[in-house]
Amino acid sequence: MLSLFILVCAIAAIGIFLFQLVKAKRSGTLSEYLRDFLVIFLGLLMTAGILFIAIRLIPRIFF
């Protein structure tokens, strides 16, 4: 059930992203939109990397 919820949310997010991308292309702000998306993506990637490293190191430090 949780997997289905995540799938629906992901499909909705991709749809919204594509809609915003087309809208930004028409209004001429595509480069700004892609820049903002890249900053958000890199922030999420860095957060995931930090969490992954923390999860791998905490058991070694404390246990």
Protein backbone atom coordinates (compact mmCIF):
# COMPACT_ATOMS: atom_id res chain seq x y z
CA MET A 1 0.00 0.00 0.00
CA LEU A 2 2.84 2.39 0.85
CA SER A 3 4.54 1.58 -2.46
CA LEU A 4 1.38 2.49 -4.35
CA PHE A 5 1.14 5.81 -2.49
CA ILE A 6 4.78 6.62 -3.29
CA LEU A 7 4.20 5.70 -6.95
CA VAL A 8 1.15 7.97 -7.22
CA CYS A 9 3.01 10.85 -5.55
CA ALA A 10 6.01 10.39 -7.86
CA ILE A 11 3.82 10.35 -10.98
CA ALA A 12 2.01 13.48 -9.79
CA ALA A 13 5.31 15.24 -9.10
CA ILE A 14 6.67 14.34 -12.55
CA GLY A 15 3.46 15.58 -14.16
CA ILE A 16 3.60 18.88 -12.29
CA PHE A 17 7.28 19.25 -13.18
CA LEU A 18 6.60 18.70 -16.90
CA PHE A 19 3.68 21.14 -16.81
CA GLN A 20 5.83 23.81 -15.15
CA LEU A 21 8.63 23.12 -17.64
CA VAL A 22 6.34 23.73 -20.62
CA LYS A 23 4.90 26.85 -18.97
CA ALA A 24 8.40 28.21 -18.26
CA LYS A 25 9.48 27.55 -21.85
CA ARG A 26 6.55 29.56 -23.18
CA SER A 27 7.21 32.50 -20.87
CA GLY A 28 10.98 32.52 -21.51
CA THR A 29 12.08 31.67 -17.96
CA LEU A 30 13.27 28.15 -18.74
CA SER A 31 16.87 28.73 -17.69
CA GLU A 32 15.80 30.16 -14.31
CA TYR A 33 13.44 27.24 -13.74
CA LEU A 34 16.10 24.67 -14.62
CA ARG A 35 18.61 26.46 -12.36
CA ASP A 36 16.20 26.35 -9.43
CA PHE A 37 15.44 22.69 -10.12
CA LEU A 38 19.15 21.86 -10.21
CA VAL A 39 19.75 23.61 -6.87
CA ILE A 40 16.88 21.69 -5.26
CA PHE A 41 18.07 18.40 -6.78
CA LEU A 42 21.64 18.93 -5.58
CA GLY A 43 20.38 19.82 -2.09
CA LEU A 44 18.34 16.62 -1.93
CA LEU A 45 21.27 14.60 -3.23
CA MET A 46 23.62 16.07 -0.62
CA THR A 47 21.07 15.41 2.14
CA ALA A 48 20.70 11.80 1.03
CA GLY A 49 24.47 11.40 0.94
CA ILE A 50 24.90 12.82 4.43
CA LEU A 51 22.13 10.60 5.80
CA PHE A 52 23.67 7.54 4.12
CA ILE A 53 27.09 8.28 5.60
CA ALA A 54 25.58 8.95 9.04
CA ILE A 55 23.60 5.70 8.98
CA ARG A 56 26.74 3.77 8.02
CA LEU A 57 28.95 5.44 10.67
CA ILE A 58 26.65 5.56 13.72
CA PRO A 59 26.67 1.77 14.33
CA ARG A 60 30.48 1.71 14.05
CA ILE A 61 30.94 4.57 16.52
CA PHE A 62 28.42 3.60 19.19
CA PHE A 63 28.19 -0.20 18.97
